[in-house]
Amino acid sequence: MTARPPARVHRLVGALAVVALALVFAPAAWAAERDDAWPRVRASLFGARILADAGDALSLALPIRAEDAAVVPVAIRARPAPGQARPRRLYLIIDQNPSPVAAIFEFGEAAGRIEIETRVRVEDYSTVRAIAEYPDGSLAMTTRYIKASGGCSAPTNKGLADASTLGQMRWTLPEPLIDGRDNLVALLIRHPNTSGLAMDQVTRLYDPPQFVRHVSVTYQDRLVLTADVDFSVSENPTFRFGLRVAGDGVLAAEAVDTNELRFSSSVVVTPVAPR
């Protein structure tokens, strides 16, 4: 069974990506408009809903200054207070990127603790926002500022587009997996995640965009998470997330890119009893 994102989220992420790619051909317009990105993004995603300060209930970790703006590690972790519901969705927004909505993660019944780690591109000095959406529709946000430049327009590894290896997936599982407990697992997808903003230094042409846009992960046919993402996620997209295992089962992933290519992988999970 493959989990699908809510139609509203899917349409929104797709529309924002199309707008971002159109700006490749209008860089002056992008530069003039990008300072106002957050108010537009907020209105599109949340309308007039209140965005509360997350406080200690949500953390966002990333470097103050990027060593490599094309591969910036980011971690979002929800820490609900006693009696507080867990978030059902996490949003990652990078204000100054050509496509500010970097990712929307939705968590299912097989998810462990609500956290996600990935790597992103950052095009310019920017506020980065993590927003949690709770089952009752309430929202909470935390922010960080990062100094980075040129991540979205940096060239990618062309070898990653080789048809024989494109979309290959690799799992990283803890040893051992503990039954009935939260376990952190990682999924890597071999893909260039071409942004369409990088110029080939030989041909002086822009490589066409091709990036992973949707990922779904299930365990025992139950949803762990879905991720609606765009080219703000670095090449070879990597996601580390919580999984609560309950007996033997199949951990499966499917990814779809902007060329409608589909990739899948699965692994049999055999947890051990806690000591």
Protein backbone atom coordinates (compact mmCIF):
# COMPACT_ATOMS: atom_id res chain seq x y z
CA MET A 1 0.00 0.00 0.00
CA THR A 2 1.39 3.41 -0.96
CA ALA A 3 0.41 6.41 1.11
CA ARG A 4 -0.56 9.55 -0.80
CA PRO A 5 -0.28 13.15 0.39
CA PRO A 6 -3.42 15.22 0.95
CA ALA A 7 -4.50 16.74 -2.36
CA ARG A 8 -4.34 20.26 -0.92
CA VAL A 9 -0.71 19.84 0.13
CA HIS A 10 0.26 18.16 -3.14
CA ARG A 11 -1.24 20.95 -5.26
CA LEU A 12 0.33 23.67 -3.15
CA VAL A 13 3.86 22.24 -3.24
CA GLY A 14 3.57 21.64 -6.97
CA ALA A 15 2.39 25.16 -7.63
CA LEU A 16 5.20 26.70 -5.60
CA ALA A 17 7.77 24.58 -7.44
CA VAL A 18 6.40 25.69 -10.81
CA VAL A 19 6.64 29.34 -9.75
CA ALA A 20 10.21 28.81 -8.56
CA LEU A 21 11.28 27.22 -11.82
CA ALA A 22 9.67 30.01 -13.82
CA LEU A 23 11.90 32.44 -11.94
CA VAL A 24 14.93 30.78 -13.50
CA PHE A 25 14.07 32.80 -16.59
CA ALA A 26 13.42 35.98 -14.64
CA PRO A 27 16.23 36.34 -12.07
CA ALA A 28 15.67 40.07 -11.67
CA ALA A 29 12.04 39.49 -10.75
CA TRP A 30 13.06 36.84 -8.24
CA ALA A 31 15.61 39.18 -6.61
CA ALA A 32 13.01 41.94 -6.35
CA GLU A 33 10.30 39.72 -4.85
CA ARG A 34 12.15 37.29 -2.59
CA ASP A 35 12.23 39.59 0.46
CA ASP A 36 8.44 39.32 0.60
CA ALA A 37 8.37 35.54 0.27
CA TRP A 38 7.36 34.69 3.85
CA PRO A 39 4.11 36.72 3.97
CA ARG A 40 3.03 35.13 0.68
CA VAL A 41 4.00 31.65 1.79
CA ARG A 42 2.27 32.09 5.13
CA ALA A 43 -0.94 33.25 3.47
CA SER A 44 -0.85 30.36 0.97
CA LEU A 45 -0.22 27.67 3.57
CA PHE A 46 -2.05 28.92 6.63
CA GLY A 47 -4.30 31.82 5.70
CA ALA A 48 -5.17 33.85 8.79
CA ARG A 49 -4.47 31.02 11.26
CA ILE A 50 -2.41 31.95 14.33
CA LEU A 51 1.23 30.85 14.43
CA ALA A 52 2.19 30.49 18.09
CA ASP A 53 5.73 30.46 19.44
CA ALA A 54 6.67 26.79 19.77
CA GLY A 55 8.94 27.32 22.76
CA ASP A 56 10.47 24.06 23.95
CA ALA A 57 7.88 21.94 22.13
CA LEU A 58 9.75 22.21 18.81
CA SER A 59 13.45 22.49 18.01
CA LEU A 60 15.20 23.38 14.76
CA ALA A 61 18.91 22.59 14.47
CA LEU A 62 21.15 23.86 11.66
CA PRO A 63 24.54 25.59 11.46
CA ILE A 64 24.81 29.35 11.88
CA ARG A 65 27.09 29.48 8.83
CA ALA A 66 27.01 26.77 6.18
CA GLU A 67 30.25 25.02 5.30
CA ASP A 68 28.63 24.01 2.00
CA ALA A 69 25.42 25.85 1.07
CA ALA A 70 24.37 22.95 -1.17
CA VAL A 71 24.46 20.40 1.67
CA VAL A 72 23.20 21.94 4.91
CA PRO A 73 22.13 19.52 7.66
CA VAL A 74 18.76 20.32 9.24
CA ALA A 75 16.96 18.56 12.07
CA ILE A 76 13.44 19.25 13.37
CA ARG A 77 12.33 17.59 16.60
CA ALA A 78 8.98 17.81 18.33
CA ARG A 79 8.96 17.49 22.11
CA PRO A 80 5.33 17.65 23.21
CA ALA A 81 4.66 18.58 26.82
CA PRO A 82 2.93 15.94 28.97
CA GLY A 83 -0.64 15.63 27.81
CA GLN A 84 0.00 17.54 24.58
CA ALA A 85 -0.79 15.85 21.27
CA ARG A 86 2.02 15.08 18.85
CA PRO A 87 2.21 17.13 15.64
CA ARG A 88 0.70 15.47 12.60
CA ARG A 89 2.68 17.59 10.16
CA LEU A 90 5.98 19.50 10.06
CA TYR A 91 6.79 22.27 7.57
CA LEU A 92 10.30 23.39 6.62
CA ILE A 93 10.46 26.90 5.10
CA ILE A 94 13.61 28.64 3.82
CA ASP A 95 12.54 32.24 3.23
CA GLN A 96 15.19 33.30 0.72
CA ASN A 97 15.21 30.19 -1.45
CA PRO A 98 13.68 30.42 -4.94
CA SER A 99 11.08 27.89 -3.75
CA PRO A 100 10.71 28.65 -0.03
CA VAL A 101 8.61 25.59 0.89
CA ALA A 102 11.43 23.06 1.14
CA ALA A 103 9.40 20.21 2.64
CA ILE A 104 6.12 19.21 4.22
CA PHE A 105 6.26 16.04 6.30
CA GLU A 106 3.17 14.19 7.44
CA PHE A 107 3.38 11.45 10.06
CA GLY A 108 1.25 8.34 10.34
CA GLU A 109 0.36 5.77 12.96
CA ALA A 110 3.62 3.82 12.52
CA ALA A 111 5.81 6.87 13.15
CA GLY A 112 7.98 6.94 16.22
CA ARG A 113 8.84 10.21 17.88
CA ILE A 114 8.11 13.13 15.59
CA GLU A 115 11.43 14.25 14.20
CA ILE A 116 13.11 14.48 10.83
CA GLU A 117 16.67 15.08 9.68
CA THR A 118 17.61 15.94 6.11
CA ARG A 119 20.04 18.07 4.07
CA VAL A 120 19.02 21.18 2.17
CA ARG A 121 20.29 23.82 -0.22
CA VAL A 122 20.29 27.43 0.93
CA GLU A 123 20.60 30.11 -1.73
CA ASP A 124 21.16 33.20 0.43
CA TYR A 125 21.33 34.43 4.02
CA SER A 126 17.92 33.45 5.29
CA THR A 127 15.50 32.82 8.09
CA VAL A 128 14.64 29.12 8.26
CA ARG A 129 11.31 28.13 9.82
CA ALA A 130 10.03 24.90 11.31
CA ILE A 131 6.27 24.80 11.83
CA ALA A 132 4.32 22.09 13.61
CA GLU A 133 0.66 21.48 12.83
CA TYR A 134 -1.32 19.60 15.50
CA PRO A 135 -4.41 17.38 15.10
CA ASP A 136 -6.70 20.20 16.29
CA GLY A 137 -5.34 22.47 13.55
CA SER A 138 -3.24 24.66 15.83
CA LEU A 139 0.20 25.79 14.65
CA ALA A 140 3.49 26.50 16.39
CA MET A 141 6.71 27.85 14.87
CA THR A 142 10.38 28.18 15.69
CA THR A 143 13.02 29.92 13.55
CA ARG A 144 16.77 30.08 13.02
CA TYR A 145 18.96 32.27 10.82
CA ILE A 146 21.64 30.86 8.56
CA LYS A 147 24.46 32.49 6.60
CA ALA A 148 24.84 30.71 3.27
CA SER A 149 25.10 31.54 -0.40
CA GLY A 150 24.56 29.82 -3.76
CA GLY A 151 23.28 26.43 -2.64
CA CYS A 152 20.36 26.19 -5.08
CA SER A 153 22.40 27.34 -8.06
CA ALA A 154 25.42 25.12 -7.35
CA PRO A 155 26.10 22.42 -10.00
CA THR A 156 25.14 18.86 -9.15
CA ASN A 157 26.94 15.58 -9.80
CA LYS A 158 25.86 14.67 -13.33
CA GLY A 159 26.80 11.05 -12.73
CA LEU A 160 23.84 10.75 -10.36
CA ALA A 161 21.46 10.95 -13.33
CA ASP A 162 22.72 7.63 -14.75
CA ALA A 163 19.59 5.67 -15.62
CA SER A 164 21.02 2.45 -14.24
CA THR A 165 21.41 3.85 -10.73
CA LEU A 166 18.89 6.72 -10.61
CA GLY A 167 16.50 6.23 -7.73
CA GLN A 168 18.44 3.51 -5.95
CA MET A 169 17.65 3.55 -2.23
CA ARG A 170 19.71 2.63 0.81
CA TRP A 171 18.39 2.00 4.30
CA THR A 172 20.31 2.57 7.50
CA LEU A 173 18.80 0.71 10.45
CA PRO A 174 19.98 0.60 14.05
CA GLU A 175 21.49 -2.64 15.30
CA PRO A 176 19.45 -4.01 16.85
CA LEU A 177 15.96 -2.69 16.24
CA ILE A 178 14.11 -2.80 19.56
CA ASP A 179 10.56 -4.10 19.54
CA GLY A 180 7.93 -1.72 20.89
CA ARG A 181 10.28 1.26 21.05
CA ASP A 182 11.17 4.24 18.92
CA ASN A 183 14.02 3.55 16.52
CA LEU A 184 15.72 6.06 14.22
CA VAL A 185 16.10 4.85 10.64
CA ALA A 186 17.45 6.61 7.56
CA LEU A 187 16.59 6.45 3.87
CA LEU A 188 18.92 7.72 1.12
CA ILE A 189 17.73 8.11 -2.48
CA ARG A 190 20.30 8.35 -5.27
CA HIS A 191 19.10 11.31 -7.32
CA PRO A 192 20.70 14.58 -8.53
CA ASN A 193 17.69 16.68 -7.47
CA THR A 194 18.56 19.14 -10.23
CA SER A 195 17.12 22.56 -9.42
CA GLY A 196 17.10 24.08 -12.91
CA LEU A 197 19.09 27.01 -11.50
CA ALA A 198 22.60 25.66 -12.11
CA MET A 199 24.46 26.68 -15.26
CA ASP A 200 26.64 24.13 -17.05
CA GLN A 201 30.05 25.81 -17.15
CA VAL A 202 30.90 24.16 -20.49
CA THR A 203 27.67 24.65 -22.49
CA ARG A 204 26.58 27.81 -20.58
CA LEU A 205 23.08 26.33 -20.53
CA TYR A 206 20.92 25.55 -17.53
CA ASP A 207 20.42 21.89 -16.76
CA PRO A 208 16.70 21.02 -16.82
CA PRO A 209 15.07 20.58 -13.42
CA GLN A 210 14.47 17.05 -12.18
CA PHE A 211 13.99 16.41 -8.49
CA VAL A 212 12.24 14.09 -6.07
CA ARG A 213 8.86 15.59 -5.21
CA HIS A 214 7.15 12.96 -3.06
CA VAL A 215 8.33 10.20 -0.74
CA SER A 216 6.19 7.80 1.27
CA VAL A 217 7.32 5.27 3.87
CA THR A 218 5.18 2.46 5.29
CA TYR A 219 5.74 -0.30 7.85
CA GLN A 220 3.44 -3.34 7.92
CA ASP A 221 1.34 -1.41 5.36
CA ARG A 222 0.83 1.37 7.91
CA LEU A 223 1.96 4.91 7.21
CA VAL A 224 5.20 6.09 8.78
CA LEU A 225 5.51 9.37 6.90
CA THR A 226 5.06 11.18 3.64
CA ALA A 227 7.34 13.96 2.43
CA ASP A 228 6.38 16.53 -0.20
CA VAL A 229 9.70 18.11 -1.12
CA ASP A 230 11.35 20.20 -3.81
CA PHE A 231 14.81 21.06 -5.09
CA SER A 232 15.68 22.80 -1.82
CA VAL A 233 16.48 19.28 -0.62
CA SER A 234 20.08 18.42 -1.54
CA GLU A 235 21.13 15.89 -4.17
CA ASN A 236 20.91 12.32 -2.93
CA PRO A 237 17.95 13.17 -0.68
CA THR A 238 18.36 11.70 2.79
CA PHE A 239 15.72 11.45 5.49
CA ARG A 240 16.23 10.22 9.05
CA PHE A 241 13.07 9.66 11.07
CA GLY A 242 11.49 7.79 13.95
CA LEU A 243 9.91 4.36 13.54
CA ARG A 244 8.00 2.46 16.22
CA VAL A 245 8.32 -1.22 15.41
CA ALA A 246 5.87 -3.83 16.69
CA GLY A 247 6.90 -7.25 15.50
CA ASP A 248 8.30 -8.43 12.18
CA GLY A 249 7.25 -6.54 9.09
CA VAL A 250 8.25 -4.92 5.82
CA LEU A 251 9.57 -1.37 5.82
CA ALA A 252 8.91 0.07 2.36
CA ALA A 253 9.51 3.36 0.56
CA GLU A 254 8.35 4.83 -2.72
CA ALA A 255 9.60 8.04 -4.33
CA VAL A 256 8.30 9.98 -7.33
CA ASP A 257 10.26 12.67 -9.17
CA THR A 258 9.16 15.54 -11.40
CA ASN A 259 9.56 13.37 -14.51
CA GLU A 260 7.01 10.96 -12.99
CA LEU A 261 9.70 8.32 -12.51
CA ARG A 262 8.89 6.02 -9.60
CA PHE A 263 11.42 4.30 -7.38
CA SER A 264 10.82 1.85 -4.55
CA SER A 265 12.67 -0.22 -2.00
CA SER A 266 11.76 -2.46 0.92
CA VAL A 267 13.52 -4.28 3.73
CA VAL A 268 12.31 -6.94 6.15
CA VAL A 269 12.41 -5.70 9.73
CA THR A 270 13.00 -8.22 12.55
CA PRO A 271 13.17 -6.43 15.90
CA VAL A 272 14.47 -7.95 19.11
CA ALA A 273 12.74 -7.91 22.48
CA PRO A 274 13.83 -5.18 24.90
CA ARG A 275 16.10 -6.27 27.70
